[in-house]
Amino acid sequence: MEDINKYYEAAEILKVLGHPTRLCIVNGLIRNKGCNVSFMQSCLKIPQSTVSQHISKLKSAGIIVGERKGLEITYKVVNQMAIDLVTSLFND
């Protein structure tokens, strides 16, 4: 019998990654090995408040974490399943 919990975990990750902006953020964090909200905002050309809302959802899902360095927070992807999913989608 398979452990159903792994399917719940995968489904939750897929739900959170199901938004194009969040997919783009996670892909960019993987490629850049982390960055701050200002950098993301300038790359995505969307308001900082919108980026922060997406960051909040990704953090709540355990996909990313933020590391404070002075006044700046650098985010990085820590969920291996999310890394594997996104790199398999955008392996170019």
PDB file of N, CA and C in Angstrom:
ATOM      1  N   MET A   1       0.841  -1.185   0.000  1.00  0.00           N
ATOM      2  CA  MET A   1       0.000   0.000   0.000  1.00  0.00           C
ATOM      3  C   MET A   1       0.885   1.248   0.000  1.00  0.00           C
ATOM      4  N   GLU A   2       0.579   2.192  -0.866  1.00  0.00           N
ATOM      5  CA  GLU A   2       1.372   3.411  -0.969  1.00  0.00           C
ATOM      6  C   GLU A   2       1.015   4.401   0.128  1.00  0.00           C
ATOM      7  N   ASP A   3       2.012   5.196   0.512  1.00  0.00           N
ATOM      8  CA  ASP A   3       1.798   6.237   1.512  1.00  0.00           C
ATOM      9  C   ASP A   3       1.085   7.412   0.852  1.00  0.00           C
ATOM     10  N   ILE A   4      -0.188   7.611   1.195  1.00  0.00           N
ATOM     11  CA  ILE A   4      -1.014   8.650   0.583  1.00  0.00           C
ATOM     12  C   ILE A   4      -0.502  10.052   0.902  1.00  0.00           C
ATOM     13  N   ASN A   5       0.251  10.202   2.008  1.00  0.00           N
ATOM     14  CA  ASN A   5       0.746  11.515   2.409  1.00  0.00           C
ATOM     15  C   ASN A   5       1.658  12.147   1.359  1.00  0.00           C
ATOM     16  N   LYS A   6       2.426  11.321   0.650  1.00  0.00           N
ATOM     17  CA  LYS A   6       3.312  11.896  -0.371  1.00  0.00           C
ATOM     18  C   LYS A   6       2.497  12.520  -1.501  1.00  0.00           C
ATOM     19  N   TYR A   7       1.308  11.992  -1.755  1.00  0.00           N
ATOM     20  CA  TYR A   7       0.448  12.573  -2.789  1.00  0.00           C
ATOM     21  C   TYR A   7      -0.148  13.901  -2.325  1.00  0.00           C
ATOM     22  N   TYR A   8      -0.482  13.981  -1.042  1.00  0.00           N
ATOM     23  CA  TYR A   8      -0.972  15.247  -0.487  1.00  0.00           C
ATOM     24  C   TYR A   8       0.106  16.322  -0.562  1.00  0.00           C
ATOM     25  N   GLU A   9       1.333  15.944  -0.202  1.00  0.00           N
ATOM     26  CA  GLU A   9       2.448  16.898  -0.259  1.00  0.00           C
ATOM     27  C   GLU A   9       2.671  17.382  -1.688  1.00  0.00           C
ATOM     28  N   ALA A  10       2.692  16.450  -2.628  1.00  0.00           N
ATOM     29  CA  ALA A  10       2.893  16.815  -4.038  1.00  0.00           C
ATOM     30  C   ALA A  10       1.758  17.701  -4.539  1.00  0.00           C
ATOM     31  N   ALA A  11       0.526  17.374  -4.170  1.00  0.00           N
ATOM     32  CA  ALA A  11      -0.622  18.165  -4.603  1.00  0.00           C
ATOM     33  C   ALA A  11      -0.551  19.585  -4.059  1.00  0.00           C
ATOM     34  N   GLU A  12      -0.139  19.737  -2.807  1.00  0.00           N
ATOM     35  CA  GLU A  12      -0.006  21.077  -2.208  1.00  0.00           C
ATOM     36  C   GLU A  12       1.059  21.891  -2.936  1.00  0.00           C
ATOM     37  N   ILE A  13       2.171  21.273  -3.231  1.00  0.00           N
ATOM     38  CA  ILE A  13       3.243  21.962  -3.954  1.00  0.00           C
ATOM     39  C   ILE A  13       2.769  22.360  -5.344  1.00  0.00           C
ATOM     40  N   LEU A  14       2.076  21.444  -6.024  1.00  0.00           N
ATOM     41  CA  LEU A  14       1.559  21.753  -7.358  1.00  0.00           C
ATOM     42  C   LEU A  14       0.545  22.893  -7.320  1.00  0.00           C
ATOM     43  N   LYS A  15      -0.289  22.933  -6.278  1.00  0.00           N
ATOM     44  CA  LYS A  15      -1.267  24.028  -6.145  1.00  0.00           C
ATOM     45  C   LYS A  15      -0.567  25.367  -6.019  1.00  0.00           C
ATOM     46  N   VAL A  16       0.445  25.421  -5.166  1.00  0.00           N
ATOM     47  CA  VAL A  16       1.153  26.685  -4.954  1.00  0.00           C
ATOM     48  C   VAL A  16       1.919  27.086  -6.206  1.00  0.00           C
ATOM     49  N   LEU A  17       2.523  26.124  -6.878  1.00  0.00           N
ATOM     50  CA  LEU A  17       3.277  26.419  -8.098  1.00  0.00           C
ATOM     51  C   LEU A  17       2.372  26.622  -9.308  1.00  0.00           C
ATOM     52  N   GLY A  18       1.059  26.458  -9.132  1.00  0.00           N
ATOM     53  CA  GLY A  18       0.109  26.559 -10.229  1.00  0.00           C
ATOM     54  C   GLY A  18      -0.152  27.970 -10.717  1.00  0.00           C
ATOM     55  N   HIS A  19       0.548  28.956 -10.206  1.00  0.00           N
ATOM     56  CA  HIS A  19       0.401  30.341 -10.655  1.00  0.00           C
ATOM     57  C   HIS A  19       1.652  30.717 -11.455  1.00  0.00           C
ATOM     58  N   PRO A  20       1.488  31.324 -12.640  1.00  0.00           N
ATOM     59  CA  PRO A  20       2.656  31.632 -13.482  1.00  0.00           C
ATOM     60  C   PRO A  20       3.716  32.496 -12.786  1.00  0.00           C
ATOM     61  N   THR A  21       3.290  33.457 -11.996  1.00  0.00           N
ATOM     62  CA  THR A  21       4.261  34.318 -11.317  1.00  0.00           C
ATOM     63  C   THR A  21       5.065  33.529 -10.289  1.00  0.00           C
ATOM     64  N   ARG A  22       4.397  32.649  -9.544  1.00  0.00           N
ATOM     65  CA  ARG A  22       5.125  31.849  -8.553  1.00  0.00           C
ATOM     66  C   ARG A  22       6.071  30.865  -9.232  1.00  0.00           C
ATOM     67  N   LEU A  23       5.644  30.311 -10.351  1.00  0.00           N
ATOM     68  CA  LEU A  23       6.538  29.430 -11.109  1.00  0.00           C
ATOM     69  C   LEU A  23       7.777  30.204 -11.551  1.00  0.00           C
ATOM     70  N   CYS A  24       7.574  31.405 -12.041  1.00  0.00           N
ATOM     71  CA  CYS A  24       8.674  32.251 -12.493  1.00  0.00           C
ATOM     72  C   CYS A  24       9.603  32.604 -11.330  1.00  0.00           C
ATOM     73  N   ILE A  25       9.038  32.950 -10.184  1.00  0.00           N
ATOM     74  CA  ILE A  25       9.843  33.280  -9.002  1.00  0.00           C
ATOM     75  C   ILE A  25      10.704  32.086  -8.595  1.00  0.00           C
ATOM     76  N   VAL A  26      10.086  30.912  -8.490  1.00  0.00           N
ATOM     77  CA  VAL A  26      10.832  29.724  -8.065  1.00  0.00           C
ATOM     78  C   VAL A  26      11.910  29.378  -9.084  1.00  0.00           C
ATOM     79  N   ASN A  27      11.586  29.449 -10.360  1.00  0.00           N
ATOM     80  CA  ASN A  27      12.574  29.167 -11.398  1.00  0.00           C
ATOM     81  C   ASN A  27      13.743  30.153 -11.305  1.00  0.00           C
ATOM     82  N   GLY A  28      13.440  31.431 -11.118  1.00  0.00           N
ATOM     83  CA  GLY A  28      14.489  32.434 -10.993  1.00  0.00           C
ATOM     84  C   GLY A  28      15.342  32.223  -9.758  1.00  0.00           C
ATOM     85  N   LEU A  29      14.705  31.857  -8.639  1.00  0.00           N
ATOM     86  CA  LEU A  29      15.472  31.599  -7.410  1.00  0.00           C
ATOM     87  C   LEU A  29      16.399  30.404  -7.583  1.00  0.00           C
ATOM     88  N   ILE A  30      15.921  29.385  -8.273  1.00  0.00           N
ATOM     89  CA  ILE A  30      16.765  28.202  -8.520  1.00  0.00           C
ATOM     90  C   ILE A  30      17.954  28.593  -9.397  1.00  0.00           C
ATOM     91  N   ARG A  31      17.684  29.308 -10.479  1.00  0.00           N
ATOM     92  CA  ARG A  31      18.754  29.686 -11.426  1.00  0.00           C
ATOM     93  C   ARG A  31      19.775  30.629 -10.800  1.00  0.00           C
ATOM     94  N   ASN A  32      19.291  31.577  -9.976  1.00  0.00           N
ATOM     95  CA  ASN A  32      20.182  32.568  -9.374  1.00  0.00           C
ATOM     96  C   ASN A  32      20.713  32.141  -8.010  1.00  0.00           C
ATOM     97  N   LYS A  33      20.296  30.970  -7.548  1.00  0.00           N
ATOM     98  CA  LYS A  33      20.676  30.471  -6.220  1.00  0.00           C
ATOM     99  C   LYS A  33      20.270  31.463  -5.128  1.00  0.00           C
ATOM    100  N   GLY A  34      19.100  32.076  -5.332  1.00  0.00           N
ATOM    101  CA  GLY A  34      18.536  33.003  -4.370  1.00  0.00           C
ATOM    102  C   GLY A  34      18.654  34.451  -4.802  1.00  0.00           C
ATOM    103  N   CYS A  35      17.747  35.289  -4.292  1.00  0.00           N
ATOM    104  CA  CYS A  35      17.795  36.730  -4.527  1.00  0.00           C
ATOM    105  C   CYS A  35      16.790  37.421  -3.615  1.00  0.00           C
ATOM    106  N   ASN A  36      16.769  38.757  -3.660  1.00  0.00           N
ATOM    107  CA  ASN A  36      15.858  39.510  -2.801  1.00  0.00           C
ATOM    108  C   ASN A  36      14.615  39.963  -3.574  1.00  0.00           C
ATOM    109  N   VAL A  37      13.645  40.527  -2.870  1.00  0.00           N
ATOM    110  CA  VAL A  37      12.380  40.932  -3.479  1.00  0.00           C
ATOM    111  C   VAL A  37      12.594  42.035  -4.513  1.00  0.00           C
ATOM    112  N   SER A  38      13.485  42.975  -4.236  1.00  0.00           N
ATOM    113  CA  SER A  38      13.735  44.072  -5.182  1.00  0.00           C
ATOM    114  C   SER A  38      14.225  43.540  -6.525  1.00  0.00           C
ATOM    115  N   PHE A  39      15.123  42.555  -6.478  1.00  0.00           N
ATOM    116  CA  PHE A  39      15.626  41.957  -7.716  1.00  0.00           C
ATOM    117  C   PHE A  39      14.500  41.249  -8.458  1.00  0.00           C
ATOM    118  N   MET A  40      13.680  40.488  -7.726  1.00  0.00           N
ATOM    119  CA  MET A  40      12.555  39.785  -8.353  1.00  0.00           C
ATOM    120  C   MET A  40      11.595  40.776  -8.999  1.00  0.00           C
ATOM    121  N   GLN A  41      11.298  41.835  -8.264  1.00  0.00           N
ATOM    122  CA  GLN A  41      10.347  42.836  -8.726  1.00  0.00           C
ATOM    123  C   GLN A  41      10.849  43.489 -10.016  1.00  0.00           C
ATOM    124  N   SER A  42      12.137  43.797 -10.092  1.00  0.00           N
ATOM    125  CA  SER A  42      12.679  44.429 -11.294  1.00  0.00           C
ATOM    126  C   SER A  42      12.683  43.457 -12.480  1.00  0.00           C
ATOM    127  N   CYS A  43      12.886  42.181 -12.220  1.00  0.00           N
ATOM    128  CA  CYS A  43      12.862  41.174 -13.294  1.00  0.00           C
ATOM    129  C   CYS A  43      11.445  40.907 -13.789  1.00  0.00           C
ATOM    130  N   LEU A  44      10.502  40.836 -12.854  1.00  0.00           N
ATOM    131  CA  LEU A  44       9.124  40.480 -13.198  1.00  0.00           C
ATOM    132  C   LEU A  44       8.301  41.667 -13.688  1.00  0.00           C
ATOM    133  N   LYS A  45       8.757  42.884 -13.381  1.00  0.00           N
ATOM    134  CA  LYS A  45       8.038  44.106 -13.768  1.00  0.00           C
ATOM    135  C   LYS A  45       6.628  44.149 -13.179  1.00  0.00           C
ATOM    136  N   ILE A  46       6.524  43.752 -11.910  1.00  0.00           N
ATOM    137  CA  ILE A  46       5.256  43.822 -11.189  1.00  0.00           C
ATOM    138  C   ILE A  46       5.522  44.532  -9.864  1.00  0.00           C
ATOM    139  N   PRO A  47       4.485  45.066  -9.225  1.00  0.00           N
ATOM    140  CA  PRO A  47       4.691  45.793  -7.965  1.00  0.00           C
ATOM    141  C   PRO A  47       5.313  44.919  -6.879  1.00  0.00           C
ATOM    142  N   GLN A  48       6.097  45.573  -6.023  1.00  0.00           N
ATOM    143  CA  GLN A  48       6.763  44.876  -4.928  1.00  0.00           C
ATOM    144  C   GLN A  48       5.754  44.193  -4.011  1.00  0.00           C
ATOM    145  N   SER A  49       4.601  44.823  -3.812  1.00  0.00           N
ATOM    146  CA  SER A  49       3.579  44.233  -2.941  1.00  0.00           C
ATOM    147  C   SER A  49       3.053  42.919  -3.523  1.00  0.00           C
ATOM    148  N   THR A  50       2.951  42.845  -4.841  1.00  0.00           N
ATOM    149  CA  THR A  50       2.498  41.613  -5.504  1.00  0.00           C
ATOM    150  C   THR A  50       3.538  40.510  -5.337  1.00  0.00           C
ATOM    151  N   VAL A  51       4.811  40.856  -5.518  1.00  0.00           N
ATOM    152  CA  VAL A  51       5.891  39.884  -5.324  1.00  0.00           C
ATOM    153  C   VAL A  51       5.843  39.370  -3.893  1.00  0.00           C
ATOM    154  N   SER A  52       5.668  40.272  -2.940  1.00  0.00           N
ATOM    155  CA  SER A  52       5.630  39.878  -1.525  1.00  0.00           C
ATOM    156  C   SER A  52       4.483  38.927  -1.224  1.00  0.00           C
ATOM    157  N   GLN A  53       3.330  39.130  -1.851  1.00  0.00           N
ATOM    158  CA  GLN A  53       2.194  38.222  -1.658  1.00  0.00           C
ATOM    159  C   GLN A  53       2.529  36.823  -2.158  1.00  0.00           C
ATOM    160  N   HIS A  54       3.181  36.742  -3.320  1.00  0.00           N
ATOM    161  CA  HIS A  54       3.566  35.437  -3.861  1.00  0.00           C
ATOM    162  C   HIS A  54       4.644  34.786  -2.989  1.00  0.00           C
ATOM    163  N   ILE A  55       5.587  35.583  -2.504  1.00  0.00           N
ATOM    164  CA  ILE A  55       6.635  35.072  -1.615  1.00  0.00           C
ATOM    165  C   ILE A  55       5.999  34.474  -0.361  1.00  0.00           C
ATOM    166  N   SER A  56       5.004  35.162   0.179  1.00  0.00           N
ATOM    167  CA  SER A  56       4.316  34.696   1.380  1.00  0.00           C
ATOM    168  C   SER A  56       3.695  33.321   1.166  1.00  0.00           C
ATOM    169  N   LYS A  57       3.054  33.123   0.024  1.00  0.00           N
ATOM    170  CA  LYS A  57       2.439  31.821  -0.276  1.00  0.00           C
ATOM    171  C   LYS A  57       3.495  30.737  -0.431  1.00  0.00           C
ATOM    172  N   LEU A  58       4.597  31.074  -1.085  1.00  0.00           N
ATOM    173  CA  LEU A  58       5.678  30.096  -1.271  1.00  0.00           C
ATOM    174  C   LEU A  58       6.331  29.732   0.064  1.00  0.00           C
ATOM    175  N   LYS A  59       6.480  30.726   0.946  1.00  0.00           N
ATOM    176  CA  LYS A  59       7.038  30.455   2.273  1.00  0.00           C
ATOM    177  C   LYS A  59       6.091  29.592   3.096  1.00  0.00           C
ATOM    178  N   SER A  60       4.807  29.908   3.070  1.00  0.00           N
ATOM    179  CA  SER A  60       3.813  29.136   3.833  1.00  0.00           C
ATOM    180  C   SER A  60       3.786  27.673   3.409  1.00  0.00           C
ATOM    181  N   ALA A  61       4.043  27.431   2.133  1.00  0.00           N
ATOM    182  CA  ALA A  61       4.043  26.067   1.618  1.00  0.00           C
ATOM    183  C   ALA A  61       5.362  25.345   1.879  1.00  0.00           C
ATOM    184  N   GLY A  62       6.337  26.057   2.446  1.00  0.00           N
ATOM    185  CA  GLY A  62       7.632  25.431   2.728  1.00  0.00           C
ATOM    186  C   GLY A  62       8.500  25.254   1.502  1.00  0.00           C
ATOM    187  N   ILE A  63       8.206  25.999   0.442  1.00  0.00           N
ATOM    188  CA  ILE A  63       8.978  25.872  -0.794  1.00  0.00           C
ATOM    189  C   ILE A  63      10.225  26.745  -0.744  1.00  0.00           C
ATOM    190  N   ILE A  64      10.115  27.930  -0.127  1.00  0.00           N
ATOM    191  CA  ILE A  64      11.256  28.828  -0.012  1.00  0.00           C
ATOM    192  C   ILE A  64      11.436  29.267   1.439  1.00  0.00           C
ATOM    193  N   VAL A  65      12.632  29.774   1.732  1.00  0.00           N
ATOM    194  CA  VAL A  65      12.918  30.399   3.029  1.00  0.00           C
ATOM    195  C   VAL A  65      13.660  31.693   2.762  1.00  0.00           C
ATOM    196  N   GLY A  66      13.543  32.603   3.717  1.00  0.00           N
ATOM    197  CA  GLY A  66      14.254  33.866   3.622  1.00  0.00           C
ATOM    198  C   GLY A  66      15.350  33.934   4.663  1.00  0.00           C
ATOM    199  N   GLU A  67      16.482  34.488   4.266  1.00  0.00           N
ATOM    200  CA  GLU A  67      17.618  34.652   5.172  1.00  0.00           C
ATOM    201  C   GLU A  67      17.952  36.135   5.251  1.00  0.00           C
ATOM    202  N   ARG A  68      17.844  36.690   6.446  1.00  0.00           N
ATOM    203  CA  ARG A  68      18.085  38.125   6.633  1.00  0.00           C
ATOM    204  C   ARG A  68      19.577  38.414   6.710  1.00  0.00           C
ATOM    205  N   LYS A  69      19.980  39.425   5.928  1.00  0.00           N
ATOM    206  CA  LYS A  69      21.353  39.947   5.977  1.00  0.00           C
ATOM    207  C   LYS A  69      21.217  41.452   6.124  1.00  0.00           C
ATOM    208  N   GLY A  70      21.266  41.943   7.352  1.00  0.00           N
ATOM    209  CA  GLY A  70      21.032  43.360   7.610  1.00  0.00           C
ATOM    210  C   GLY A  70      19.578  43.695   7.351  1.00  0.00           C
ATOM    211  N   LEU A  71      19.344  44.657   6.484  1.00  0.00           N
ATOM    212  CA  LEU A  71      17.971  45.049   6.141  1.00  0.00           C
ATOM    213  C   LEU A  71      17.399  44.227   4.989  1.00  0.00           C
ATOM    214  N   GLU A  72      18.232  43.446   4.328  1.00  0.00           N
ATOM    215  CA  GLU A  72      17.818  42.700   3.142  1.00  0.00           C
ATOM    216  C   GLU A  72      17.527  41.239   3.474  1.00  0.00           C
ATOM    217  N   ILE A  73      16.497  40.696   2.837  1.00  0.00           N
ATOM    218  CA  ILE A  73      16.178  39.273   2.983  1.00  0.00           C
ATOM    219  C   ILE A  73      16.418  38.610   1.630  1.00  0.00           C
ATOM    220  N   THR A  74      17.255  37.589   1.637  1.00  0.00           N
ATOM    221  CA  THR A  74      17.513  36.810   0.429  1.00  0.00           C
ATOM    222  C   THR A  74      16.717  35.518   0.530  1.00  0.00           C
ATOM    223  N   TYR A  75      15.960  35.221  -0.515  1.00  0.00           N
ATOM    224  CA  TYR A  75      15.128  34.023  -0.542  1.00  0.00           C
ATOM    225  C   TYR A  75      15.795  32.949  -1.376  1.00  0.00           C
ATOM    226  N   LYS A  76      15.582  31.694  -0.954  1.00  0.00           N
ATOM    227  CA  LYS A  76      16.087  30.564  -1.736  1.00  0.00           C
ATOM    228  C   LYS A  76      15.103  29.409  -1.631  1.00  0.00           C
ATOM    229  N   VAL A  77      15.144  28.542  -2.625  1.00  0.00           N
ATOM    230  CA  VAL A  77      14.254  27.383  -2.681  1.00  0.00           C
ATOM    231  C   VAL A  77      14.875  26.265  -1.856  1.00  0.00           C
ATOM    232  N   VAL A  78      14.062  25.683  -0.950  1.00  0.00           N
ATOM    233  CA  VAL A  78      14.572  24.627  -0.068  1.00  0.00           C
ATOM    234  C   VAL A  78      13.823  23.303  -0.229  1.00  0.00           C
ATOM    235  N   ASN A  79      12.727  23.309  -0.961  1.00  0.00           N
ATOM    236  CA  ASN A  79      11.930  22.093  -1.122  1.00  0.00           C
ATOM    237  C   ASN A  79      12.419  21.341  -2.356  1.00  0.00           C
ATOM    238  N   GLN A  80      12.980  20.159  -2.140  1.00  0.00           N
ATOM    239  CA  GLN A  80      13.578  19.401  -3.241  1.00  0.00           C
ATOM    240  C   GLN A  80      12.552  18.991  -4.288  1.00  0.00           C
ATOM    241  N   MET A  81      11.335  18.663  -3.858  1.00  0.00           N
ATOM    242  CA  MET A  81      10.312  18.281  -4.827  1.00  0.00           C
ATOM    243  C   MET A  81       9.999  19.453  -5.765  1.00  0.00           C
ATOM    244  N   ALA A  82       9.908  20.659  -5.208  1.00  0.00           N
ATOM    245  CA  ALA A  82       9.665  21.855  -6.020  1.00  0.00           C
ATOM    246  C   ALA A  82      10.829  22.102  -6.979  1.00  0.00           C
ATOM    247  N   ILE A  83      12.051  21.940  -6.479  1.00  0.00           N
ATOM    248  CA  ILE A  83      13.239  22.111  -7.333  1.00  0.00           C
ATOM    249  C   ILE A  83      13.187  21.128  -8.499  1.00  0.00           C
ATOM    250  N   ASP A  84      12.903  19.857  -8.190  1.00  0.00           N
ATOM    251  CA  ASP A  84      12.847  18.832  -9.239  1.00  0.00           C
ATOM    252  C   ASP A  84      11.753  19.121 -10.262  1.00  0.00           C
ATOM    253  N   LEU A  85      10.569  19.527  -9.779  1.00  0.00           N
ATOM    254  CA  LEU A  85       9.458  19.838 -10.678  1.00  0.00           C
ATOM    255  C   LEU A  85       9.794  20.989 -11.612  1.00  0.00           C
ATOM    256  N   VAL A  86      10.255  22.079 -11.041  1.00  0.00           N
ATOM    257  CA  VAL A  86      10.507  23.296 -11.829  1.00  0.00           C
ATOM    258  C   VAL A  86      11.675  23.095 -12.794  1.00  0.00           C
ATOM    259  N   THR A  87      12.729  22.434 -12.346  1.00  0.00           N
ATOM    260  CA  THR A  87      13.857  22.212 -13.265  1.00  0.00           C
ATOM    261  C   THR A  87      13.471  21.264 -14.386  1.00  0.00           C
ATOM    262  N   SER A  88      12.583  20.297 -14.113  1.00  0.00           N
ATOM    263  CA  SER A  88      12.156  19.414 -15.202  1.00  0.00           C
ATOM    264  C   SER A  88      11.257  20.148 -16.195  1.00  0.00           C
ATOM    265  N   LEU A  89      10.504  21.144 -15.724  1.00  0.00           N
ATOM    266  CA  LEU A  89       9.662  21.933 -16.628  1.00  0.00           C
ATOM    267  C   LEU A  89      10.464  22.902 -17.477  1.00  0.00           C
ATOM    268  N   PHE A  90      11.490  23.499 -16.888  1.00  0.00           N
ATOM    269  CA  PHE A  90      12.216  24.573 -17.559  1.00  0.00           C
ATOM    270  C   PHE A  90      13.703  24.260 -17.713  1.00  0.00           C
ATOM    271  N   ASN A  91      13.995  23.037 -18.067  1.00  0.00           N
ATOM    272  CA  ASN A  91      15.387  22.605 -18.254  1.00  0.00           C
ATOM    273  C   ASN A  91      15.864  23.005 -19.643  1.00  0.00           C
ATOM    274  N   ASP A  92      16.293  24.279 -19.757  1.00  0.00           N
ATOM    275  CA  ASP A  92      16.761  24.737 -21.084  1.00  0.00           C
ATOM    276  C   ASP A  92      18.109  25.377 -21.026  1.00  0.00           C
TER     277      ASP A  92
END
